[in-house]
Amino acid sequence: MRDTPAAAPSGRRRWLYLLPVGVFLVLAGIFALQLADPPGQVLPSELIDRPVPEFALEPLPGRGRPLTSEHLKGEVSLVNIFGSWCVACVQEHPFLVDIKNTGDVPIHGIDWNERNPEDGMKWLQRFGDPYDRAGLDPDSEVAIAFGVTGAPETFVVDRNGVIRYKHSGPITPTVWSKTLKPLIEDLRRQ
């Protein structure tokens, strides 16, 4: 018995065979574009161009200087949400120390959701303290008021105490030089 060759698929059937490959390529392209976007992108915030929420935080144990919304008025500043439990905060922290050492802008810290109030201060003693003031937010009340979705997050606050920008994720040299520093300089000129 002789094998007869299978008939070649018709034009329409050929497209059906190629359809899964096409769908895969489109999805792979979308995925690649998402990966090309570095973490720490601007997330929408209802607080942009609004005054910082009213708050008063106790200082980290042993620091002696509380942090309130009134401290965020008078000069352009950064408010950095961090926690000793936050892995990405460890990545960001040396750069925050570098920013403090340049004197470019005061940085205020909100130690968010610490289980033990001493942990935040121990963390700063270990990695360096870039904050002019740092307050403890153990119950997330202030973080919720700021609309925080995760740590680290950093807010640029103008001299009137108005939030002008929200950055989610670690601050990197690129984020600093291309986004935050120019914005801070622009706000100072206004």
N, C-alpha and C. Protein backbone atom coordinates (compact mmCIF):
# COMPACT_ATOMS: atom_id res chain seq x y z
N MET A 1 0.84 -1.16 0.00
CA MET A 1 0.00 0.00 0.00
C MET A 1 0.89 1.23 0.00
N ARG A 2 0.55 2.12 -0.79
CA ARG A 2 1.35 3.32 -0.97
C ARG A 2 0.77 4.45 -0.12
N ASP A 3 1.71 5.20 0.59
CA ASP A 3 1.27 6.36 1.37
C ASP A 3 1.00 7.50 0.41
N THR A 4 -0.11 8.10 0.63
CA THR A 4 -0.42 9.26 -0.20
C THR A 4 -0.06 10.51 0.60
N PRO A 5 0.60 11.45 -0.05
CA PRO A 5 0.98 12.66 0.68
C PRO A 5 -0.27 13.42 1.11
N ALA A 6 -0.15 14.02 2.33
CA ALA A 6 -1.27 14.82 2.84
C ALA A 6 -1.39 16.07 1.99
N ALA A 7 -2.58 16.43 1.79
CA ALA A 7 -2.82 17.63 1.00
C ALA A 7 -2.35 18.85 1.78
N ALA A 8 -1.76 19.79 1.09
CA ALA A 8 -1.31 21.03 1.72
C ALA A 8 -2.53 21.77 2.23
N PRO A 9 -2.39 22.41 3.42
CA PRO A 9 -3.55 23.14 3.94
C PRO A 9 -3.92 24.29 3.03
N SER A 10 -5.20 24.53 2.97
CA SER A 10 -5.66 25.64 2.15
C SER A 10 -5.22 26.96 2.79
N GLY A 11 -5.34 28.05 2.06
CA GLY A 11 -4.92 29.36 2.55
C GLY A 11 -5.56 29.73 3.87
N ARG A 12 -6.85 29.47 4.01
CA ARG A 12 -7.57 29.81 5.23
C ARG A 12 -7.08 28.96 6.40
N ARG A 13 -6.86 27.68 6.15
CA ARG A 13 -6.40 26.79 7.22
C ARG A 13 -4.97 27.14 7.64
N ARG A 14 -4.18 27.60 6.68
CA ARG A 14 -2.80 27.99 7.01
C ARG A 14 -2.83 29.14 8.02
N TRP A 15 -3.72 30.11 7.85
CA TRP A 15 -3.83 31.21 8.79
C TRP A 15 -4.24 30.73 10.17
N LEU A 16 -5.08 29.72 10.21
CA LEU A 16 -5.47 29.18 11.51
C LEU A 16 -4.27 28.60 12.25
N TYR A 17 -3.34 28.00 11.52
CA TYR A 17 -2.13 27.46 12.14
C TYR A 17 -1.21 28.59 12.62
N LEU A 18 -1.21 29.69 11.90
CA LEU A 18 -0.33 30.81 12.25
C LEU A 18 -0.93 31.74 13.31
N LEU A 19 -2.23 31.65 13.53
CA LEU A 19 -2.89 32.52 14.49
C LEU A 19 -2.29 32.42 15.90
N PRO A 20 -2.08 31.24 16.46
CA PRO A 20 -1.47 31.18 17.80
C PRO A 20 -0.09 31.81 17.84
N VAL A 21 0.69 31.64 16.80
CA VAL A 21 2.02 32.25 16.75
C VAL A 21 1.88 33.78 16.74
N GLY A 22 0.95 34.30 15.97
CA GLY A 22 0.72 35.74 15.92
C GLY A 22 0.27 36.30 17.27
N VAL A 23 -0.65 35.59 17.92
CA VAL A 23 -1.13 36.03 19.24
C VAL A 23 0.05 36.02 20.23
N PHE A 24 0.85 34.97 20.18
CA PHE A 24 2.01 34.89 21.06
C PHE A 24 2.96 36.07 20.84
N LEU A 25 3.24 36.40 19.58
CA LEU A 25 4.16 37.50 19.28
C LEU A 25 3.62 38.84 19.77
N VAL A 26 2.31 39.06 19.61
CA VAL A 26 1.71 40.31 20.09
C VAL A 26 1.83 40.39 21.61
N LEU A 27 1.48 39.32 22.30
CA LEU A 27 1.57 39.31 23.77
C LEU A 27 3.02 39.47 24.24
N ALA A 28 3.94 38.82 23.55
CA ALA A 28 5.36 38.95 23.91
C ALA A 28 5.83 40.39 23.71
N GLY A 29 5.35 41.05 22.66
CA GLY A 29 5.70 42.45 22.43
C GLY A 29 5.17 43.36 23.53
N ILE A 30 3.93 43.14 23.94
CA ILE A 30 3.34 43.94 25.02
C ILE A 30 4.12 43.72 26.30
N PHE A 31 4.44 42.46 26.60
CA PHE A 31 5.21 42.12 27.79
C PHE A 31 6.58 42.80 27.76
N ALA A 32 7.23 42.78 26.61
CA ALA A 32 8.56 43.40 26.48
C ALA A 32 8.48 44.90 26.70
N LEU A 33 7.43 45.53 26.20
CA LEU A 33 7.27 46.97 26.42
C LEU A 33 7.07 47.28 27.90
N GLN A 34 6.33 46.44 28.59
CA GLN A 34 6.13 46.63 30.03
C GLN A 34 7.44 46.49 30.78
N LEU A 35 8.26 45.53 30.38
CA LEU A 35 9.55 45.33 31.03
C LEU A 35 10.50 46.49 30.75
N ALA A 36 10.36 47.11 29.60
CA ALA A 36 11.23 48.22 29.24
C ALA A 36 10.94 49.44 30.10
N ASP A 37 9.73 49.54 30.65
CA ASP A 37 9.38 50.64 31.55
C ASP A 37 10.03 50.38 32.89
N PRO A 38 10.96 51.22 33.34
CA PRO A 38 11.60 50.96 34.60
C PRO A 38 10.62 51.10 35.76
N PRO A 39 10.87 50.37 36.87
CA PRO A 39 9.98 50.52 38.01
C PRO A 39 10.06 51.94 38.54
N GLY A 40 9.05 52.30 39.29
CA GLY A 40 9.05 53.62 39.87
C GLY A 40 8.42 54.65 38.95
N GLN A 41 7.44 54.26 38.22
CA GLN A 41 6.77 55.18 37.32
C GLN A 41 5.78 56.04 38.10
N VAL A 42 5.34 57.09 37.48
CA VAL A 42 4.37 57.97 38.09
C VAL A 42 3.04 57.24 38.15
N LEU A 43 2.49 57.17 39.35
CA LEU A 43 1.17 56.61 39.52
C LEU A 43 0.20 57.75 39.78
N PRO A 44 -1.00 57.64 39.28
CA PRO A 44 -1.94 58.72 39.51
C PRO A 44 -2.15 58.93 41.01
N SER A 45 -2.29 60.16 41.39
CA SER A 45 -2.56 60.48 42.79
C SER A 45 -3.56 61.63 42.83
N GLU A 46 -4.56 61.45 43.64
CA GLU A 46 -5.57 62.49 43.82
C GLU A 46 -4.99 63.69 44.56
N LEU A 47 -3.82 63.53 45.18
CA LEU A 47 -3.25 64.59 46.00
C LEU A 47 -2.36 65.56 45.24
N ILE A 48 -2.04 65.25 43.98
CA ILE A 48 -1.19 66.16 43.22
C ILE A 48 -1.89 67.52 43.13
N ASP A 49 -1.12 68.56 43.43
CA ASP A 49 -1.59 69.95 43.44
C ASP A 49 -2.58 70.23 44.56
N ARG A 50 -2.52 69.42 45.61
CA ARG A 50 -3.34 69.67 46.80
C ARG A 50 -2.43 69.74 48.02
N PRO A 51 -2.87 70.42 49.07
CA PRO A 51 -2.04 70.49 50.28
C PRO A 51 -1.82 69.10 50.88
N VAL A 52 -0.67 68.93 51.54
CA VAL A 52 -0.41 67.66 52.21
C VAL A 52 -1.51 67.46 53.26
N PRO A 53 -1.87 66.22 53.51
CA PRO A 53 -2.87 65.97 54.56
C PRO A 53 -2.35 66.47 55.92
N GLU A 54 -3.24 66.93 56.75
CA GLU A 54 -2.87 67.35 58.10
C GLU A 54 -2.46 66.11 58.90
N PHE A 55 -1.30 66.20 59.54
CA PHE A 55 -0.84 65.09 60.37
C PHE A 55 0.16 65.58 61.39
N ALA A 56 0.34 64.77 62.43
CA ALA A 56 1.37 65.00 63.44
C ALA A 56 1.87 63.62 63.87
N LEU A 57 3.14 63.36 63.58
CA LEU A 57 3.74 62.06 63.91
C LEU A 57 4.78 62.21 65.01
N GLU A 58 4.79 61.25 65.90
CA GLU A 58 5.83 61.19 66.92
C GLU A 58 7.16 60.88 66.24
N PRO A 59 8.26 61.36 66.82
CA PRO A 59 9.55 61.04 66.22
C PRO A 59 9.91 59.58 66.43
N LEU A 60 10.84 59.10 65.63
CA LEU A 60 11.37 57.77 65.87
C LEU A 60 12.03 57.78 67.25
N PRO A 61 11.97 56.66 67.98
CA PRO A 61 12.56 56.63 69.32
C PRO A 61 14.03 57.08 69.29
N GLY A 62 14.35 58.03 70.14
CA GLY A 62 15.71 58.52 70.23
C GLY A 62 16.03 59.66 69.29
N ARG A 63 15.10 60.06 68.43
CA ARG A 63 15.38 61.13 67.47
C ARG A 63 14.99 62.50 67.99
N GLY A 64 13.92 62.58 68.75
CA GLY A 64 13.55 63.82 69.42
C GLY A 64 12.89 64.90 68.59
N ARG A 65 12.75 64.74 67.29
CA ARG A 65 12.11 65.76 66.45
C ARG A 65 10.91 65.18 65.74
N PRO A 66 9.70 65.56 66.14
CA PRO A 66 8.50 65.04 65.47
C PRO A 66 8.39 65.57 64.05
N LEU A 67 7.47 65.01 63.31
CA LEU A 67 7.19 65.45 61.94
C LEU A 67 5.70 65.74 61.84
N THR A 68 5.39 66.99 61.43
CA THR A 68 4.00 67.37 61.22
C THR A 68 3.85 67.98 59.84
N SER A 69 2.62 68.14 59.43
CA SER A 69 2.37 68.76 58.12
C SER A 69 2.88 70.20 58.10
N GLU A 70 2.94 70.87 59.23
CA GLU A 70 3.46 72.24 59.28
C GLU A 70 4.95 72.30 58.94
N HIS A 71 5.68 71.23 59.22
CA HIS A 71 7.11 71.19 58.89
C HIS A 71 7.35 71.13 57.39
N LEU A 72 6.31 70.87 56.61
CA LEU A 72 6.45 70.75 55.17
C LEU A 72 6.12 72.06 54.45
N LYS A 73 6.11 73.14 55.21
CA LYS A 73 5.85 74.46 54.62
C LYS A 73 7.09 75.32 54.79
N GLY A 74 7.31 76.22 53.84
CA GLY A 74 8.41 77.16 53.94
C GLY A 74 9.54 76.90 52.97
N GLU A 75 9.71 75.66 52.54
CA GLU A 75 10.74 75.33 51.55
C GLU A 75 10.34 74.07 50.81
N VAL A 76 10.84 73.94 49.60
CA VAL A 76 10.59 72.73 48.81
C VAL A 76 11.27 71.57 49.52
N SER A 77 10.58 70.44 49.62
CA SER A 77 11.16 69.29 50.31
C SER A 77 10.65 67.99 49.71
N LEU A 78 11.29 66.90 50.12
CA LEU A 78 10.86 65.56 49.77
C LEU A 78 10.29 64.90 51.01
N VAL A 79 9.24 64.11 50.83
CA VAL A 79 8.71 63.26 51.89
C VAL A 79 8.85 61.84 51.39
N ASN A 80 9.64 61.05 52.12
CA ASN A 80 9.96 59.69 51.71
C ASN A 80 9.30 58.70 52.67
N ILE A 81 8.49 57.81 52.10
CA ILE A 81 7.85 56.76 52.89
C ILE A 81 8.77 55.54 52.86
N PHE A 82 9.15 55.05 54.04
CA PHE A 82 10.08 53.93 54.11
C PHE A 82 9.68 53.01 55.27
N GLY A 83 10.36 51.90 55.37
CA GLY A 83 10.19 50.99 56.49
C GLY A 83 11.40 50.07 56.58
N SER A 84 11.75 49.68 57.78
CA SER A 84 12.91 48.81 57.95
C SER A 84 12.67 47.44 57.32
N TRP A 85 11.44 47.09 57.08
CA TRP A 85 11.04 45.81 56.49
C TRP A 85 11.08 45.84 54.97
N CYS A 86 11.30 47.00 54.39
CA CYS A 86 11.17 47.22 52.95
C CYS A 86 12.49 46.95 52.22
N VAL A 87 12.50 45.93 51.38
CA VAL A 87 13.71 45.55 50.64
C VAL A 87 14.11 46.65 49.64
N ALA A 88 13.15 47.21 48.93
CA ALA A 88 13.46 48.26 47.96
C ALA A 88 13.97 49.53 48.65
N CYS A 89 13.59 49.74 49.90
CA CYS A 89 14.09 50.90 50.65
C CYS A 89 15.59 50.77 50.89
N VAL A 90 16.06 49.56 51.11
CA VAL A 90 17.51 49.33 51.28
C VAL A 90 18.24 49.71 50.00
N GLN A 91 17.67 49.38 48.86
CA GLN A 91 18.26 49.72 47.56
C GLN A 91 18.31 51.23 47.37
N GLU A 92 17.28 51.94 47.76
CA GLU A 92 17.18 53.37 47.56
C GLU A 92 18.01 54.17 48.56
N HIS A 93 18.16 53.65 49.75
CA HIS A 93 18.67 54.42 50.88
C HIS A 93 20.04 55.08 50.66
N PRO A 94 21.04 54.40 50.10
CA PRO A 94 22.33 55.08 49.90
C PRO A 94 22.21 56.33 49.02
N PHE A 95 21.31 56.29 48.07
CA PHE A 95 21.13 57.46 47.22
C PHE A 95 20.48 58.60 47.98
N LEU A 96 19.55 58.29 48.90
CA LEU A 96 18.96 59.34 49.74
C LEU A 96 20.03 60.00 50.61
N VAL A 97 20.94 59.19 51.13
CA VAL A 97 22.04 59.74 51.93
C VAL A 97 22.90 60.66 51.06
N ASP A 98 23.15 60.27 49.81
CA ASP A 98 23.91 61.12 48.88
C ASP A 98 23.19 62.45 48.64
N ILE A 99 21.86 62.39 48.45
CA ILE A 99 21.09 63.62 48.24
C ILE A 99 21.21 64.53 49.45
N LYS A 100 21.09 63.95 50.64
CA LYS A 100 21.22 64.76 51.86
C LYS A 100 22.59 65.42 51.91
N ASN A 101 23.63 64.66 51.57
CA ASN A 101 24.99 65.18 51.64
C ASN A 101 25.24 66.33 50.67
N THR A 102 24.48 66.38 49.56
CA THR A 102 24.64 67.49 48.61
C THR A 102 23.95 68.76 49.12
N GLY A 103 22.99 68.59 50.02
CA GLY A 103 22.24 69.74 50.52
C GLY A 103 21.23 70.27 49.52
N ASP A 104 20.93 69.50 48.47
CA ASP A 104 20.01 69.96 47.42
C ASP A 104 18.59 70.20 47.92
N VAL A 105 18.13 69.36 48.85
CA VAL A 105 16.75 69.46 49.30
C VAL A 105 16.61 68.74 50.64
N PRO A 106 15.82 69.30 51.57
CA PRO A 106 15.56 68.56 52.81
C PRO A 106 14.68 67.35 52.52
N ILE A 107 14.98 66.27 53.20
CA ILE A 107 14.20 65.03 53.06
C ILE A 107 13.60 64.71 54.42
N HIS A 108 12.29 64.49 54.43
CA HIS A 108 11.59 64.10 55.64
C HIS A 108 11.10 62.67 55.45
N GLY A 109 11.21 61.85 56.49
CA GLY A 109 10.84 60.45 56.38
C GLY A 109 9.61 60.10 57.18
N ILE A 110 8.82 59.23 56.63
CA ILE A 110 7.69 58.64 57.36
C ILE A 110 7.96 57.15 57.44
N ASP A 111 8.24 56.70 58.66
CA ASP A 111 8.53 55.29 58.91
C ASP A 111 7.20 54.57 59.02
N TRP A 112 6.88 53.85 57.98
CA TRP A 112 5.54 53.30 57.78
C TRP A 112 5.42 51.86 58.27
N ASN A 113 4.41 51.61 59.08
CA ASN A 113 3.96 50.27 59.41
C ASN A 113 5.01 49.42 60.11
N GLU A 114 5.81 50.04 60.99
CA GLU A 114 6.79 49.27 61.75
C GLU A 114 6.08 48.46 62.84
N ARG A 115 6.46 47.22 62.98
CA ARG A 115 5.90 46.38 64.05
C ARG A 115 6.48 46.80 65.39
N ASN A 116 7.77 47.11 65.39
CA ASN A 116 8.46 47.53 66.60
C ASN A 116 8.99 48.94 66.37
N PRO A 117 8.58 49.93 67.17
CA PRO A 117 9.00 51.31 66.95
C PRO A 117 10.52 51.50 66.94
N GLU A 118 11.25 50.63 67.59
CA GLU A 118 12.71 50.75 67.63
C GLU A 118 13.36 50.35 66.30
N ASP A 119 12.68 49.54 65.48
CA ASP A 119 13.29 49.00 64.26
C ASP A 119 13.69 50.08 63.26
N GLY A 120 12.86 51.10 63.11
CA GLY A 120 13.18 52.17 62.17
C GLY A 120 14.44 52.92 62.56
N MET A 121 14.60 53.21 63.85
CA MET A 121 15.79 53.93 64.30
C MET A 121 17.03 53.06 64.16
N LYS A 122 16.92 51.79 64.48
CA LYS A 122 18.06 50.87 64.31
C LYS A 122 18.46 50.80 62.84
N TRP A 123 17.47 50.80 61.97
CA TRP A 123 17.72 50.74 60.52
C TRP A 123 18.49 51.98 60.07
N LEU A 124 18.07 53.16 60.55
CA LEU A 124 18.76 54.40 60.19
C LEU A 124 20.18 54.43 60.76
N GLN A 125 20.36 53.89 61.95
CA GLN A 125 21.71 53.84 62.53
C GLN A 125 22.61 52.93 61.71
N ARG A 126 22.03 51.87 61.16
CA ARG A 126 22.82 50.92 60.37
C ARG A 126 23.17 51.47 58.97
N PHE A 127 22.18 52.09 58.30
CA PHE A 127 22.36 52.49 56.90
C PHE A 127 22.63 53.99 56.69
N GLY A 128 22.50 54.79 57.74
CA GLY A 128 22.66 56.24 57.61
C GLY A 128 21.32 56.92 57.68
N ASP A 129 21.32 58.17 58.14
CA ASP A 129 20.08 58.90 58.35
C ASP A 129 20.01 60.11 57.42
N PRO A 130 19.26 60.01 56.33
CA PRO A 130 19.17 61.13 55.39
C PRO A 130 18.08 62.15 55.74
N TYR A 131 17.35 61.92 56.83
CA TYR A 131 16.14 62.70 57.08
C TYR A 131 16.38 63.88 58.02
N ASP A 132 15.83 65.03 57.65
CA ASP A 132 15.83 66.19 58.53
C ASP A 132 14.90 65.91 59.71
N ARG A 133 13.75 65.35 59.40
CA ARG A 133 12.78 64.91 60.41
C ARG A 133 12.24 63.56 59.95
N ALA A 134 11.93 62.73 60.94
CA ALA A 134 11.33 61.42 60.61
C ALA A 134 10.29 61.09 61.66
N GLY A 135 9.10 60.74 61.18
CA GLY A 135 8.00 60.41 62.08
C GLY A 135 7.59 58.96 61.92
N LEU A 136 7.03 58.44 62.99
CA LEU A 136 6.61 57.04 63.05
C LEU A 136 5.12 56.94 62.76
N ASP A 137 4.77 56.12 61.76
CA ASP A 137 3.37 55.91 61.35
C ASP A 137 3.02 54.43 61.49
N PRO A 138 2.92 53.93 62.74
CA PRO A 138 2.74 52.49 62.94
C PRO A 138 1.39 51.95 62.48
N ASP A 139 0.36 52.79 62.49
CA ASP A 139 -0.99 52.33 62.11
C ASP A 139 -1.37 52.73 60.69
N SER A 140 -0.42 53.26 59.93
CA SER A 140 -0.61 53.62 58.52
C SER A 140 -1.61 54.75 58.30
N GLU A 141 -1.95 55.50 59.32
CA GLU A 141 -2.94 56.57 59.15
C GLU A 141 -2.45 57.64 58.18
N VAL A 142 -1.19 58.06 58.33
CA VAL A 142 -0.66 59.11 57.46
C VAL A 142 -0.40 58.54 56.07
N ALA A 143 0.11 57.32 56.01
CA ALA A 143 0.35 56.69 54.70
C ALA A 143 -0.95 56.58 53.92
N ILE A 144 -2.02 56.22 54.59
CA ILE A 144 -3.33 56.13 53.92
C ILE A 144 -3.77 57.52 53.46
N ALA A 145 -3.56 58.53 54.29
CA ALA A 145 -3.94 59.90 53.91
C ALA A 145 -3.15 60.38 52.68
N PHE A 146 -1.90 59.92 52.56
CA PHE A 146 -1.08 60.27 51.40
C PHE A 146 -1.39 59.38 50.19
N GLY A 147 -2.18 58.34 50.37
CA GLY A 147 -2.51 57.44 49.27
C GLY A 147 -1.37 56.50 48.91
N VAL A 148 -0.57 56.15 49.89
CA VAL A 148 0.59 55.28 49.65
C VAL A 148 0.11 53.89 49.26
N THR A 149 0.75 53.34 48.22
CA THR A 149 0.42 51.99 47.77
C THR A 149 1.52 51.00 48.09
N GLY A 150 2.68 51.47 48.47
CA GLY A 150 3.80 50.60 48.82
C GLY A 150 5.02 51.45 49.11
N ALA A 151 6.01 50.83 49.69
CA ALA A 151 7.24 51.56 50.00
C ALA A 151 8.36 51.08 49.09
N PRO A 152 9.27 51.95 48.73
CA PRO A 152 9.28 53.37 49.05
C PRO A 152 8.42 54.17 48.09
N GLU A 153 7.93 55.27 48.59
CA GLU A 153 7.27 56.29 47.78
C GLU A 153 7.79 57.63 48.24
N THR A 154 7.95 58.55 47.30
CA THR A 154 8.49 59.87 47.62
C THR A 154 7.61 60.94 46.99
N PHE A 155 7.34 61.97 47.77
CA PHE A 155 6.50 63.08 47.33
C PHE A 155 7.36 64.34 47.30
N VAL A 156 7.19 65.14 46.25
CA VAL A 156 7.80 66.46 46.19
C VAL A 156 6.75 67.44 46.69
N VAL A 157 7.12 68.22 47.70
CA VAL A 157 6.20 69.18 48.32
C VAL A 157 6.77 70.58 48.12
N ASP A 158 5.94 71.50 47.62
CA ASP A 158 6.43 72.86 47.40
C ASP A 158 6.46 73.65 48.71
N ARG A 159 6.93 74.90 48.65
CA ARG A 159 7.10 75.71 49.86
C ARG A 159 5.79 76.05 50.55
N ASN A 160 4.67 75.89 49.85
CA ASN A 160 3.36 76.14 50.44
C ASN A 160 2.74 74.89 51.06
N GLY A 161 3.47 73.79 51.03
CA GLY A 161 2.94 72.54 51.57
C GLY A 161 2.01 71.82 50.62
N VAL A 162 2.18 72.06 49.32
CA VAL A 162 1.33 71.44 48.31
C VAL A 162 2.13 70.32 47.62
N ILE A 163 1.52 69.15 47.49
CA ILE A 163 2.16 68.02 46.82
C ILE A 163 2.19 68.28 45.32
N ARG A 164 3.38 68.22 44.74
CA ARG A 164 3.53 68.48 43.31
C ARG A 164 3.86 67.25 42.48
N TYR A 165 4.34 66.20 43.15
CA TYR A 165 4.75 65.01 42.40
C TYR A 165 4.82 63.83 43.35
N LYS A 166 4.49 62.66 42.81
CA LYS A 166 4.59 61.41 43.57
C LYS A 166 5.41 60.42 42.75
N HIS A 167 6.46 59.89 43.38
CA HIS A 167 7.27 58.86 42.72
C HIS A 167 7.13 57.57 43.51
N SER A 168 6.75 56.50 42.84
CA SER A 168 6.63 55.19 43.47
C SER A 168 7.83 54.35 43.11
N GLY A 169 8.41 53.71 44.10
CA GLY A 169 9.59 52.89 43.89
C GLY A 169 10.85 53.62 44.31
N PRO A 170 11.98 52.95 44.23
CA PRO A 170 13.23 53.57 44.66
C PRO A 170 13.63 54.74 43.77
N ILE A 171 14.17 55.77 44.39
CA ILE A 171 14.77 56.87 43.65
C ILE A 171 16.13 56.38 43.16
N THR A 172 16.38 56.53 41.88
CA THR A 172 17.66 56.14 41.28
C THR A 172 18.36 57.41 40.80
N PRO A 173 19.63 57.32 40.46
CA PRO A 173 20.31 58.49 39.90
C PRO A 173 19.58 59.05 38.67
N THR A 174 19.04 58.20 37.84
CA THR A 174 18.32 58.66 36.65
C THR A 174 17.04 59.40 37.03
N VAL A 175 16.26 58.82 37.94
CA VAL A 175 15.03 59.47 38.40
C VAL A 175 15.38 60.82 39.02
N TRP A 176 16.45 60.86 39.80
CA TRP A 176 16.85 62.11 40.45
C TRP A 176 17.24 63.17 39.41
N SER A 177 18.12 62.81 38.49
CA SER A 177 18.66 63.81 37.56
C SER A 177 17.67 64.23 36.49
N LYS A 178 16.80 63.33 36.06
CA LYS A 178 15.88 63.65 34.96
C LYS A 178 14.51 64.13 35.42
N THR A 179 14.13 63.81 36.65
CA THR A 179 12.77 64.15 37.08
C THR A 179 12.75 65.00 38.35
N LEU A 180 13.26 64.45 39.44
CA LEU A 180 13.08 65.10 40.73
C LEU A 180 13.88 66.40 40.88
N LYS A 181 15.16 66.35 40.58
CA LYS A 181 15.99 67.54 40.76
C LYS A 181 15.51 68.70 39.87
N PRO A 182 15.23 68.48 38.57
CA PRO A 182 14.71 69.60 37.77
C PRO A 182 13.39 70.16 38.30
N LEU A 183 12.51 69.28 38.79
CA LEU A 183 11.24 69.74 39.35
C LEU A 183 11.49 70.59 40.59
N ILE A 184 12.37 70.13 41.46
CA ILE A 184 12.69 70.88 42.68
C ILE A 184 13.26 72.25 42.33
N GLU A 185 14.18 72.28 41.37
CA GLU A 185 14.77 73.56 40.95
C GLU A 185 13.71 74.49 40.37
N ASP A 186 12.80 73.94 39.59
CA ASP A 186 11.71 74.74 39.01
C ASP A 186 10.80 75.29 40.11
N LEU A 187 10.46 74.47 41.08
CA LEU A 187 9.58 74.91 42.17
C LEU A 187 10.26 75.99 43.00
N ARG A 188 11.56 75.92 43.16
CA ARG A 188 12.29 76.96 43.92
C ARG A 188 12.27 78.30 43.17
N ARG A 189 12.28 78.25 41.85
CA ARG A 189 12.27 79.50 41.06
C ARG A 189 10.89 80.17 41.06
N GLN A 190 9.86 79.41 41.33
CA GLN A 190 8.49 79.96 41.28
C GLN A 190 8.19 80.85 42.47
